[in-house]
């Protein structure tokens, strides 16, 4: 037994470090959270590698002196800790100050992760309950809509059918399901469903009701009005919400659940449209970035 231990090419301290198993890490995390009031714990620090990297950085910072004394080590440590607490990646559009401020404010994010979502749903509740527009629309916007794009009824019908498919998984009321969906026989006769009829080779596509189709057209009109005024940015959802307040939104569903169901529809529609807008904007940005890179390369060759 003693000879087998000697054949293992590890030191006694390394063997002791290997005892920190996954189960032990979970126990340490639970103890720190329950008894020491830790909000989070970076488990990578439980290994020996970060400590070794730290001492390597300190030794490298001392220049030619690879073996600093305690006094020099303390001085280098103070300089390193005060030099840059957080260094953002190269090419990042966020400064180190803003990044550090975000990390220090992470505790508030952990305590209220759904605060923005709750505020957004409350705003939708207010818009659905209102029988009059909350904001007055400008006559200039109505008369000068040259930059406003138009979504065809065929595309709008397809999106409305996709919403029905998603909401059927969470909607239990039979009357609400009937208010969302149209019978296939009636749906095939409508001109707006021509694209669905051509695509429905294997079945599975859903025909949305007239009420849901009209609501999605109303929402799409507000989205198009928003993006015709400004480019996609972090405030796009807030700008769409402002345009929605200028409308008296239609309701979909039975008398008992129409408010709840309409809120779900508006929330889902605005989220997926914002996703499509962001994806399109990112694609445009990547194309412009590649074009700029190619122009710079050509400029260097010609210079």
C-alpha atoms as a PDB file:
ATOM      1  CA  UNK A   1       0.000   0.000   0.000  1.00  0.00           C
ATOM      2  CA  UNK A   2       2.861   2.333   0.861  1.00  0.00           C
ATOM      3  CA  UNK A   3       4.640   1.539  -2.420  1.00  0.00           C
ATOM      4  CA  UNK A   4       1.480   2.294  -4.478  1.00  0.00           C
ATOM      5  CA  UNK A   5       1.171   5.675  -2.792  1.00  0.00           C
ATOM      6  CA  UNK A   6       4.755   6.566  -3.687  1.00  0.00           C
ATOM      7  CA  UNK A   7       4.111   5.741  -7.357  1.00  0.00           C
ATOM      8  CA  UNK A   8       1.395   8.453  -7.639  1.00  0.00           C
ATOM      9  CA  UNK A   9       3.160  11.551  -9.161  1.00  0.00           C
ATOM     10  CA  UNK A  10       1.331  14.126  -7.022  1.00  0.00           C
ATOM     11  CA  UNK A  11       2.208  15.861  -3.818  1.00  0.00           C
ATOM     12  CA  UNK A  12       0.335  15.543  -0.545  1.00  0.00           C
ATOM     13  CA  UNK A  13      -1.043  19.095  -0.842  1.00  0.00           C
ATOM     14  CA  UNK A  14      -2.437  18.326  -4.311  1.00  0.00           C
ATOM     15  CA  UNK A  15      -4.168  15.216  -2.995  1.00  0.00           C
ATOM     16  CA  UNK A  16      -5.691  17.320  -0.239  1.00  0.00           C
ATOM     17  CA  UNK A  17      -6.979  19.794  -2.827  1.00  0.00           C
ATOM     18  CA  UNK A  18      -8.630  17.014  -4.814  1.00  0.00           C
ATOM     19  CA  UNK A  19     -10.911  16.306  -1.853  1.00  0.00           C
ATOM     20  CA  UNK A  20     -12.946  19.392  -2.791  1.00  0.00           C
ATOM     21  CA  UNK A  21     -15.517  17.435  -4.790  1.00  0.00           C
ATOM     22  CA  UNK A  22     -18.734  18.652  -6.403  1.00  0.00           C
ATOM     23  CA  UNK A  23     -20.721  17.615  -3.339  1.00  0.00           C
ATOM     24  CA  UNK A  24     -18.359  19.569  -1.089  1.00  0.00           C
ATOM     25  CA  UNK A  25     -18.712  22.615  -3.357  1.00  0.00           C
ATOM     26  CA  UNK A  26     -22.496  22.464  -3.026  1.00  0.00           C
ATOM     27  CA  UNK A  27     -22.220  22.200   0.748  1.00  0.00           C
ATOM     28  CA  UNK A  28     -19.866  25.184   0.895  1.00  0.00           C
ATOM     29  CA  UNK A  29     -22.183  27.229  -1.340  1.00  0.00           C
ATOM     30  CA  UNK A  30     -25.207  26.352   0.800  1.00  0.00           C
ATOM     31  CA  UNK A  31     -23.383  27.244   4.028  1.00  0.00           C
ATOM     32  CA  UNK A  32     -22.171  30.594   2.659  1.00  0.00           C
ATOM     33  CA  UNK A  33     -25.650  31.464   1.375  1.00  0.00           C
ATOM     34  CA  UNK A  34     -27.624  30.353   4.446  1.00  0.00           C
ATOM     35  CA  UNK A  35     -25.253  31.349   7.257  1.00  0.00           C
ATOM     36  CA  UNK A  36     -22.904  34.013   5.847  1.00  0.00           C
ATOM     37  CA  UNK A  37     -25.486  35.930   3.738  1.00  0.00           C
ATOM     38  CA  UNK A  38     -23.554  35.521   0.475  1.00  0.00           C
ATOM     39  CA  UNK A  39     -25.566  36.603  -2.587  1.00  0.00           C
ATOM     40  CA  UNK A  40     -23.445  34.567  -5.014  1.00  0.00           C
ATOM     41  CA  UNK A  41     -20.209  32.570  -5.066  1.00  0.00           C
ATOM     42  CA  UNK A  42     -17.776  32.066  -7.916  1.00  0.00           C
ATOM     43  CA  UNK A  43     -16.967  28.390  -7.510  1.00  0.00           C
ATOM     44  CA  UNK A  44     -13.844  28.635  -9.669  1.00  0.00           C
ATOM     45  CA  UNK A  45     -12.089  30.267  -6.713  1.00  0.00           C
ATOM     46  CA  UNK A  46     -12.414  27.018  -4.761  1.00  0.00           C
ATOM     47  CA  UNK A  47      -9.615  25.477  -6.824  1.00  0.00           C
ATOM     48  CA  UNK A  48      -5.917  26.176  -6.522  1.00  0.00           C
ATOM     49  CA  UNK A  49      -5.477  27.541 -10.062  1.00  0.00           C
ATOM     50  CA  UNK A  50      -6.725  31.124  -9.404  1.00  0.00           C
ATOM     51  CA  UNK A  51      -4.337  31.434  -6.450  1.00  0.00           C
ATOM     52  CA  UNK A  52      -1.420  30.243  -8.565  1.00  0.00           C
ATOM     53  CA  UNK A  53      -2.354  32.651 -11.363  1.00  0.00           C
ATOM     54  CA  UNK A  54      -2.553  35.496  -8.854  1.00  0.00           C
ATOM     55  CA  UNK A  55       0.962  34.853  -7.549  1.00  0.00           C
ATOM     56  CA  UNK A  56       2.230  34.495 -11.122  1.00  0.00           C
ATOM     57  CA  UNK A  57       0.814  37.909 -12.022  1.00  0.00           C
ATOM     58  CA  UNK A  58       2.353  39.467  -8.943  1.00  0.00           C
ATOM     59  CA  UNK A  59       5.764  37.946  -9.684  1.00  0.00           C
ATOM     60  CA  UNK A  60       5.593  39.031 -13.320  1.00  0.00           C
ATOM     61  CA  UNK A  61       4.691  42.591 -12.275  1.00  0.00           C
ATOM     62  CA  UNK A  62       7.865  42.883 -10.210  1.00  0.00           C
ATOM     63  CA  UNK A  63      10.001  43.012 -13.344  1.00  0.00           C
ATOM     64  CA  UNK A  64      13.351  41.252 -13.130  1.00  0.00           C
ATOM     65  CA  UNK A  65      12.836  40.298  -9.492  1.00  0.00           C
ATOM     66  CA  UNK A  66      11.038  36.941  -9.730  1.00  0.00           C
ATOM     67  CA  UNK A  67      11.233  36.407  -5.964  1.00  0.00           C
ATOM     68  CA  UNK A  68       9.952  39.615  -4.307  1.00  0.00           C
ATOM     69  CA  UNK A  69      10.076  40.077  -0.577  1.00  0.00           C
ATOM     70  CA  UNK A  70       6.824  40.610   1.378  1.00  0.00           C
ATOM     71  CA  UNK A  71       7.204  44.415   1.308  1.00  0.00           C
ATOM     72  CA  UNK A  72       7.556  44.580  -2.491  1.00  0.00           C
ATOM     73  CA  UNK A  73       4.759  42.038  -2.924  1.00  0.00           C
ATOM     74  CA  UNK A  74       2.398  44.219  -0.860  1.00  0.00           C
ATOM     75  CA  UNK A  75       3.318  47.335  -2.868  1.00  0.00           C
ATOM     76  CA  UNK A  76       2.719  45.592  -6.197  1.00  0.00           C
ATOM     77  CA  UNK A  77      -0.573  44.200  -4.900  1.00  0.00           C
ATOM     78  CA  UNK A  78      -1.796  47.706  -3.951  1.00  0.00           C
ATOM     79  CA  UNK A  79      -0.813  49.079  -7.363  1.00  0.00           C
ATOM     80  CA  UNK A  80      -2.512  46.220  -9.185  1.00  0.00           C
ATOM     81  CA  UNK A  81      -5.723  46.493  -7.154  1.00  0.00           C
ATOM     82  CA  UNK A  82      -5.954  50.255  -7.729  1.00  0.00           C
ATOM     83  CA  UNK A  83      -4.887  50.177 -11.400  1.00  0.00           C
ATOM     84  CA  UNK A  84      -7.971  48.640 -12.980  1.00  0.00           C
ATOM     85  CA  UNK A  85     -10.658  46.754 -11.101  1.00  0.00           C
ATOM     86  CA  UNK A  86     -12.512  45.878 -14.279  1.00  0.00           C
ATOM     87  CA  UNK A  87     -11.069  45.994 -17.778  1.00  0.00           C
ATOM     88  CA  UNK A  88     -13.619  45.641 -20.603  1.00  0.00           C
ATOM     89  CA  UNK A  89     -12.757  43.606 -23.707  1.00  0.00           C
ATOM     90  CA  UNK A  90     -11.008  45.251 -26.629  1.00  0.00           C
ATOM     91  CA  UNK A  91     -13.475  46.948 -28.944  1.00  0.00           C
ATOM     92  CA  UNK A  92     -16.224  46.973 -26.319  1.00  0.00           C
ATOM     93  CA  UNK A  93     -18.611  49.957 -26.358  1.00  0.00           C
ATOM     94  CA  UNK A  94     -18.866  49.981 -22.547  1.00  0.00           C
ATOM     95  CA  UNK A  95     -16.283  51.761 -20.427  1.00  0.00           C
ATOM     96  CA  UNK A  96     -14.665  50.190 -17.387  1.00  0.00           C
ATOM     97  CA  UNK A  97     -16.496  52.618 -15.108  1.00  0.00           C
ATOM     98  CA  UNK A  98     -19.914  51.648 -16.453  1.00  0.00           C
ATOM     99  CA  UNK A  99     -19.043  47.955 -16.334  1.00  0.00           C
ATOM    100  CA  UNK A 100     -17.909  48.205 -12.717  1.00  0.00           C
ATOM    101  CA  UNK A 101     -21.067  50.121 -11.811  1.00  0.00           C
ATOM    102  CA  UNK A 102     -23.177  47.369 -13.381  1.00  0.00           C
ATOM    103  CA  UNK A 103     -21.343  44.634 -11.489  1.00  0.00           C
ATOM    104  CA  UNK A 104     -21.663  46.484  -8.190  1.00  0.00           C
ATOM    105  CA  UNK A 105     -25.382  46.929  -8.795  1.00  0.00           C
ATOM    106  CA  UNK A 106     -25.951  43.238  -9.520  1.00  0.00           C
ATOM    107  CA  UNK A 107     -27.530  42.737  -6.088  1.00  0.00           C
ATOM    108  CA  UNK A 108     -30.550  44.784  -7.119  1.00  0.00           C
ATOM    109  CA  UNK A 109     -30.931  42.697 -10.261  1.00  0.00           C
ATOM    110  CA  UNK A 110     -30.965  39.496  -8.210  1.00  0.00           C
ATOM    111  CA  UNK A 111     -33.585  40.797  -5.766  1.00  0.00           C
ATOM    112  CA  UNK A 112     -35.993  42.037  -8.442  1.00  0.00           C
ATOM    113  CA  UNK A 113     -35.363  40.188 -11.716  1.00  0.00           C
ATOM    114  CA  UNK A 114     -38.927  40.576 -13.016  1.00  0.00           C
ATOM    115  CA  UNK A 115     -39.520  44.220 -12.101  1.00  0.00           C
ATOM    116  CA  UNK A 116     -39.309  45.527 -15.682  1.00  0.00           C
ATOM    117  CA  UNK A 117     -41.538  42.695 -16.891  1.00  0.00           C
ATOM    118  CA  UNK A 118     -44.170  43.518 -14.277  1.00  0.00           C
ATOM    119  CA  UNK A 119     -44.138  47.215 -15.213  1.00  0.00           C
ATOM    120  CA  UNK A 120     -44.522  46.318 -18.896  1.00  0.00           C
ATOM    121  CA  UNK A 121     -47.500  44.018 -18.206  1.00  0.00           C
ATOM    122  CA  UNK A 122     -49.108  46.668 -15.983  1.00  0.00           C
ATOM    123  CA  UNK A 123     -48.867  49.172 -18.834  1.00  0.00           C
ATOM    124  CA  UNK A 124     -50.553  46.691 -21.166  1.00  0.00           C
ATOM    125  CA  UNK A 125     -53.320  46.176 -18.575  1.00  0.00           C
ATOM    126  CA  UNK A 126     -53.950  49.914 -18.493  1.00  0.00           C
ATOM    127  CA  UNK A 127     -54.053  50.121 -22.302  1.00  0.00           C
ATOM    128  CA  UNK A 128     -56.470  47.183 -22.582  1.00  0.00           C
ATOM    129  CA  UNK A 129     -58.811  48.526 -19.892  1.00  0.00           C
ATOM    130  CA  UNK A 130     -58.921  52.012 -21.394  1.00  0.00           C
ATOM    131  CA  UNK A 131     -61.908  52.716 -23.642  1.00  0.00           C
ATOM    132  CA  UNK A 132     -60.238  55.843 -25.060  1.00  0.00           C
ATOM    133  CA  UNK A 133     -56.710  56.515 -26.377  1.00  0.00           C
ATOM    134  CA  UNK A 134     -54.313  57.403 -23.562  1.00  0.00           C
ATOM    135  CA  UNK A 135     -52.305  59.672 -25.884  1.00  0.00           C
ATOM    136  CA  UNK A 136     -53.476  61.853 -28.734  1.00  0.00           C
ATOM    137  CA  UNK A 137     -52.004  61.086 -32.128  1.00  0.00           C
ATOM    138  CA  UNK A 138     -50.448  63.820 -34.225  1.00  0.00           C
ATOM    139  CA  UNK A 139     -52.188  64.863 -37.433  1.00  0.00           C
ATOM    140  CA  UNK A 140     -48.769  65.210 -39.054  1.00  0.00           C
ATOM    141  CA  UNK A 141     -48.069  61.523 -38.443  1.00  0.00           C
ATOM    142  CA  UNK A 142     -51.373  60.538 -40.020  1.00  0.00           C
ATOM    143  CA  UNK A 143     -50.981  62.754 -43.105  1.00  0.00           C
ATOM    144  CA  UNK A 144     -47.271  62.156 -43.741  1.00  0.00           C
ATOM    145  CA  UNK A 145     -46.789  58.391 -43.607  1.00  0.00           C
ATOM    146  CA  UNK A 146     -44.527  58.152 -46.653  1.00  0.00           C
ATOM    147  CA  UNK A 147     -41.796  56.211 -44.792  1.00  0.00           C
ATOM    148  CA  UNK A 148     -44.198  53.769 -43.152  1.00  0.00           C
ATOM    149  CA  UNK A 149     -43.950  50.228 -44.505  1.00  0.00           C
ATOM    150  CA  UNK A 150     -46.925  47.938 -44.984  1.00  0.00           C
ATOM    151  CA  UNK A 151     -47.231  44.277 -43.981  1.00  0.00           C
ATOM    152  CA  UNK A 152     -49.366  42.179 -46.305  1.00  0.00           C
ATOM    153  CA  UNK A 153     -52.460  40.423 -45.008  1.00  0.00           C
ATOM    154  CA  UNK A 154     -50.991  37.045 -45.990  1.00  0.00           C
ATOM    155  CA  UNK A 155     -47.943  37.525 -43.758  1.00  0.00           C
ATOM    156  CA  UNK A 156     -50.109  38.950 -40.992  1.00  0.00           C
ATOM    157  CA  UNK A 157     -52.423  35.936 -41.155  1.00  0.00           C
ATOM    158  CA  UNK A 158     -49.458  33.551 -40.914  1.00  0.00           C
ATOM    159  CA  UNK A 159     -48.114  35.369 -37.815  1.00  0.00           C
ATOM    160  CA  UNK A 160     -51.573  35.344 -36.222  1.00  0.00           C
ATOM    161  CA  UNK A 161     -51.776  31.584 -36.775  1.00  0.00           C
ATOM    162  CA  UNK A 162     -48.381  31.166 -35.121  1.00  0.00           C
ATOM    163  CA  UNK A 163     -49.667  33.094 -32.093  1.00  0.00           C
ATOM    164  CA  UNK A 164     -52.661  30.753 -31.891  1.00  0.00           C
ATOM    165  CA  UNK A 165     -50.350  27.723 -31.865  1.00  0.00           C
ATOM    166  CA  UNK A 166     -48.325  29.178 -28.984  1.00  0.00           C
ATOM    167  CA  UNK A 167     -51.318  30.266 -26.908  1.00  0.00           C
ATOM    168  CA  UNK A 168     -53.149  26.943 -27.284  1.00  0.00           C
ATOM    169  CA  UNK A 169     -50.546  25.342 -25.010  1.00  0.00           C
ATOM    170  CA  UNK A 170     -51.424  27.613 -22.071  1.00  0.00           C
ATOM    171  CA  UNK A 171     -55.095  28.431 -22.715  1.00  0.00           C
ATOM    172  CA  UNK A 172     -57.566  26.043 -21.056  1.00  0.00           C
ATOM    173  CA  UNK A 173     -60.836  27.879 -21.686  1.00  0.00           C
ATOM    174  CA  UNK A 174     -62.787  26.331 -24.589  1.00  0.00           C
ATOM    175  CA  UNK A 175     -64.502  29.617 -25.455  1.00  0.00           C
ATOM    176  CA  UNK A 176     -61.158  31.429 -25.611  1.00  0.00           C
ATOM    177  CA  UNK A 177     -59.759  28.766 -27.929  1.00  0.00           C
ATOM    178  CA  UNK A 178     -62.766  29.190 -30.213  1.00  0.00           C
ATOM    179  CA  UNK A 179     -62.207  32.964 -30.174  1.00  0.00           C
ATOM    180  CA  UNK A 180     -58.566  32.492 -31.200  1.00  0.00           C
ATOM    181  CA  UNK A 181     -58.953  29.915 -33.952  1.00  0.00           C
ATOM    182  CA  UNK A 182     -61.069  29.666 -37.079  1.00  0.00           C
ATOM    183  CA  UNK A 183     -62.302  26.431 -38.595  1.00  0.00           C
ATOM    184  CA  UNK A 184     -60.159  25.170 -41.453  1.00  0.00           C
ATOM    185  CA  UNK A 185     -63.098  25.108 -43.866  1.00  0.00           C
ATOM    186  CA  UNK A 186     -63.933  28.754 -43.207  1.00  0.00           C
ATOM    187  CA  UNK A 187     -60.269  29.808 -43.217  1.00  0.00           C
ATOM    188  CA  UNK A 188     -59.538  28.377 -46.679  1.00  0.00           C
ATOM    189  CA  UNK A 189     -62.216  30.595 -48.216  1.00  0.00           C
ATOM    190  CA  UNK A 190     -60.570  33.840 -47.088  1.00  0.00           C
ATOM    191  CA  UNK A 191     -58.185  35.536 -49.480  1.00  0.00           C
ATOM    192  CA  UNK A 192     -55.737  36.486 -46.738  1.00  0.00           C
ATOM    193  CA  UNK A 193     -55.057  32.780 -46.104  1.00  0.00           C
ATOM    194  CA  UNK A 194     -53.905  31.991 -49.650  1.00  0.00           C
ATOM    195  CA  UNK A 195     -50.279  31.688 -48.517  1.00  0.00           C
ATOM    196  CA  UNK A 196     -51.261  29.334 -45.699  1.00  0.00           C
ATOM    197  CA  UNK A 197     -53.268  27.221 -48.142  1.00  0.00           C
ATOM    198  CA  UNK A 198     -50.222  26.870 -50.403  1.00  0.00           C
ATOM    199  CA  UNK A 199     -47.863  26.115 -47.500  1.00  0.00           C
ATOM    200  CA  UNK A 200     -50.197  23.693 -45.746  1.00  0.00           C
ATOM    201  CA  UNK A 201     -49.061  20.639 -47.710  1.00  0.00           C
ATOM    202  CA  UNK A 202     -48.564  18.429 -44.675  1.00  0.00           C
ATOM    203  CA  UNK A 203     -51.125  20.018 -42.363  1.00  0.00           C
ATOM    204  CA  UNK A 204     -50.467  21.656 -39.019  1.00  0.00           C
ATOM    205  CA  UNK A 205     -50.942  25.309 -39.953  1.00  0.00           C
ATOM    206  CA  UNK A 206     -53.672  27.148 -38.065  1.00  0.00           C
ATOM    207  CA  UNK A 207     -56.189  29.712 -39.281  1.00  0.00           C
ATOM    208  CA  UNK A 208     -56.548  32.644 -36.885  1.00  0.00           C
ATOM    209  CA  UNK A 209     -59.941  34.142 -36.121  1.00  0.00           C
ATOM    210  CA  UNK A 210     -61.010  37.504 -37.505  1.00  0.00           C
ATOM    211  CA  UNK A 211     -60.784  39.087 -34.045  1.00  0.00           C
ATOM    212  CA  UNK A 212     -57.185  37.973 -33.526  1.00  0.00           C
ATOM    213  CA  UNK A 213     -56.249  38.953 -37.080  1.00  0.00           C
ATOM    214  CA  UNK A 214     -57.650  42.468 -36.590  1.00  0.00           C
ATOM    215  CA  UNK A 215     -55.807  42.854 -33.265  1.00  0.00           C
ATOM    216  CA  UNK A 216     -52.474  41.785 -34.785  1.00  0.00           C
ATOM    217  CA  UNK A 217     -52.998  44.222 -37.667  1.00  0.00           C
ATOM    218  CA  UNK A 218     -53.588  46.964 -35.133  1.00  0.00           C
ATOM    219  CA  UNK A 219     -50.399  46.035 -33.276  1.00  0.00           C
ATOM    220  CA  UNK A 220     -48.405  45.776 -36.513  1.00  0.00           C
ATOM    221  CA  UNK A 221     -49.537  49.244 -37.519  1.00  0.00           C
ATOM    222  CA  UNK A 222     -48.130  50.649 -34.263  1.00  0.00           C
ATOM    223  CA  UNK A 223     -44.853  48.771 -34.758  1.00  0.00           C
ATOM    224  CA  UNK A 224     -44.431  50.038 -38.324  1.00  0.00           C
ATOM    225  CA  UNK A 225     -45.272  53.568 -37.238  1.00  0.00           C
ATOM    226  CA  UNK A 226     -42.524  53.345 -34.616  1.00  0.00           C
ATOM    227  CA  UNK A 227     -39.749  52.066 -36.880  1.00  0.00           C
ATOM    228  CA  UNK A 228     -40.666  54.604 -39.567  1.00  0.00           C
ATOM    229  CA  UNK A 229     -39.714  57.400 -37.165  1.00  0.00           C
ATOM    230  CA  UNK A 230     -36.483  56.040 -35.688  1.00  0.00           C
ATOM    231  CA  UNK A 231     -33.990  53.200 -35.977  1.00  0.00           C
ATOM    232  CA  UNK A 232     -34.152  50.135 -33.753  1.00  0.00           C
ATOM    233  CA  UNK A 233     -32.588  50.859 -30.359  1.00  0.00           C
ATOM    234  CA  UNK A 234     -32.866  49.926 -26.685  1.00  0.00           C
ATOM    235  CA  UNK A 235     -35.960  52.123 -26.333  1.00  0.00           C
ATOM    236  CA  UNK A 236     -37.878  50.553 -29.222  1.00  0.00           C
ATOM    237  CA  UNK A 237     -40.309  48.640 -26.978  1.00  0.00           C
ATOM    238  CA  UNK A 238     -41.038  51.820 -24.998  1.00  0.00           C
ATOM    239  CA  UNK A 239     -41.664  53.677 -28.258  1.00  0.00           C
ATOM    240  CA  UNK A 240     -44.003  50.925 -29.447  1.00  0.00           C
ATOM    241  CA  UNK A 241     -45.837  51.160 -26.122  1.00  0.00           C
ATOM    242  CA  UNK A 242     -46.273  54.895 -26.678  1.00  0.00           C
ATOM    243  CA  UNK A 243     -47.818  54.249 -30.092  1.00  0.00           C
ATOM    244  CA  UNK A 244     -50.132  51.612 -28.601  1.00  0.00           C
ATOM    245  CA  UNK A 245     -51.457  54.193 -26.156  1.00  0.00           C
ATOM    246  CA  UNK A 246     -52.783  56.174 -29.119  1.00  0.00           C
ATOM    247  CA  UNK A 247     -55.110  53.308 -30.050  1.00  0.00           C
ATOM    248  CA  UNK A 248     -58.197  51.724 -28.525  1.00  0.00           C
ATOM    249  CA  UNK A 249     -57.021  48.120 -28.549  1.00  0.00           C
ATOM    250  CA  UNK A 250     -59.393  45.339 -29.553  1.00  0.00           C
ATOM    251  CA  UNK A 251     -60.053  42.418 -27.212  1.00  0.00           C
ATOM    252  CA  UNK A 252     -59.953  38.704 -27.941  1.00  0.00           C
ATOM    253  CA  UNK A 253     -61.422  35.911 -25.830  1.00  0.00           C
ATOM    254  CA  UNK A 254     -64.471  35.096 -23.773  1.00  0.00           C
ATOM    255  CA  UNK A 255     -66.092  37.637 -21.476  1.00  0.00           C
ATOM    256  CA  UNK A 256     -64.349  36.211 -18.414  1.00  0.00           C
ATOM    257  CA  UNK A 257     -60.796  35.928 -19.804  1.00  0.00           C
ATOM    258  CA  UNK A 258     -60.657  38.497 -22.611  1.00  0.00           C
ATOM    259  CA  UNK A 259     -58.489  40.948 -20.661  1.00  0.00           C
ATOM    260  CA  UNK A 260     -55.975  38.308 -19.568  1.00  0.00           C
ATOM    261  CA  UNK A 261     -55.810  36.721 -23.014  1.00  0.00           C
ATOM    262  CA  UNK A 262     -55.458  40.064 -24.804  1.00  0.00           C
ATOM    263  CA  UNK A 263     -52.565  41.045 -22.541  1.00  0.00           C
ATOM    264  CA  UNK A 264     -50.798  37.771 -23.404  1.00  0.00           C
ATOM    265  CA  UNK A 265     -51.316  38.366 -27.118  1.00  0.00           C
ATOM    266  CA  UNK A 266     -49.965  41.929 -27.004  1.00  0.00           C
ATOM    267  CA  UNK A 267     -46.979  40.925 -24.892  1.00  0.00           C
ATOM    268  CA  UNK A 268     -46.100  37.982 -27.138  1.00  0.00           C
ATOM    269  CA  UNK A 269     -46.548  39.946 -30.364  1.00  0.00           C
ATOM    270  CA  UNK A 270     -44.433  42.928 -29.293  1.00  0.00           C
ATOM    271  CA  UNK A 271     -41.674  40.627 -28.026  1.00  0.00           C
ATOM    272  CA  UNK A 272     -41.404  38.581 -31.234  1.00  0.00           C
ATOM    273  CA  UNK A 273     -41.555  41.713 -33.419  1.00  0.00           C
ATOM    274  CA  UNK A 274     -38.810  43.302 -31.331  1.00  0.00           C
ATOM    275  CA  UNK A 275     -36.759  40.134 -31.778  1.00  0.00           C
ATOM    276  CA  UNK A 276     -37.190  40.291 -35.555  1.00  0.00           C
ATOM    277  CA  UNK A 277     -36.282  43.991 -35.583  1.00  0.00           C
ATOM    278  CA  UNK A 278     -33.151  43.382 -33.511  1.00  0.00           C
ATOM    279  CA  UNK A 279     -32.130  40.458 -35.726  1.00  0.00           C
ATOM    280  CA  UNK A 280     -32.562  42.569 -38.857  1.00  0.00           C
ATOM    281  CA  UNK A 281     -30.607  45.456 -37.341  1.00  0.00           C
ATOM    282  CA  UNK A 282     -27.761  43.147 -36.297  1.00  0.00           C
ATOM    283  CA  UNK A 283     -27.614  41.692 -39.804  1.00  0.00           C
ATOM    284  CA  UNK A 284     -27.448  45.179 -41.305  1.00  0.00           C
ATOM    285  CA  UNK A 285     -24.703  46.114 -38.852  1.00  0.00           C
ATOM    286  CA  UNK A 286     -22.655  43.015 -39.695  1.00  0.00           C
ATOM    287  CA  UNK A 287     -22.927  43.715 -43.430  1.00  0.00           C
ATOM    288  CA  UNK A 288     -21.790  47.308 -42.891  1.00  0.00           C
ATOM    289  CA  UNK A 289     -18.938  46.092 -40.693  1.00  0.00           C
ATOM    290  CA  UNK A 290     -17.698  43.651 -43.348  1.00  0.00           C
ATOM    291  CA  UNK A 291     -17.962  46.340 -46.018  1.00  0.00           C
ATOM    292  CA  UNK A 292     -15.983  48.807 -43.891  1.00  0.00           C
ATOM    293  CA  UNK A 293     -13.299  46.208 -43.235  1.00  0.00           C
ATOM    294  CA  UNK A 294     -12.985  45.487 -46.957  1.00  0.00           C
ATOM    295  CA  UNK A 295     -12.753  49.205 -47.771  1.00  0.00           C
ATOM    296  CA  UNK A 296      -9.977  49.678 -45.217  1.00  0.00           C
ATOM    297  CA  UNK A 297      -8.067  46.742 -46.676  1.00  0.00           C
ATOM    298  CA  UNK A 298      -8.385  48.166 -50.194  1.00  0.00           C
ATOM    299  CA  UNK A 299      -7.290  51.591 -48.965  1.00  0.00           C
ATOM    300  CA  UNK A 300      -4.106  50.087 -47.492  1.00  0.00           C
ATOM    301  CA  UNK A 301      -3.326  48.296 -50.754  1.00  0.00           C
ATOM    302  CA  UNK A 302      -3.779  51.469 -52.800  1.00  0.00           C
ATOM    303  CA  UNK A 303      -1.805  53.704 -50.432  1.00  0.00           C
END
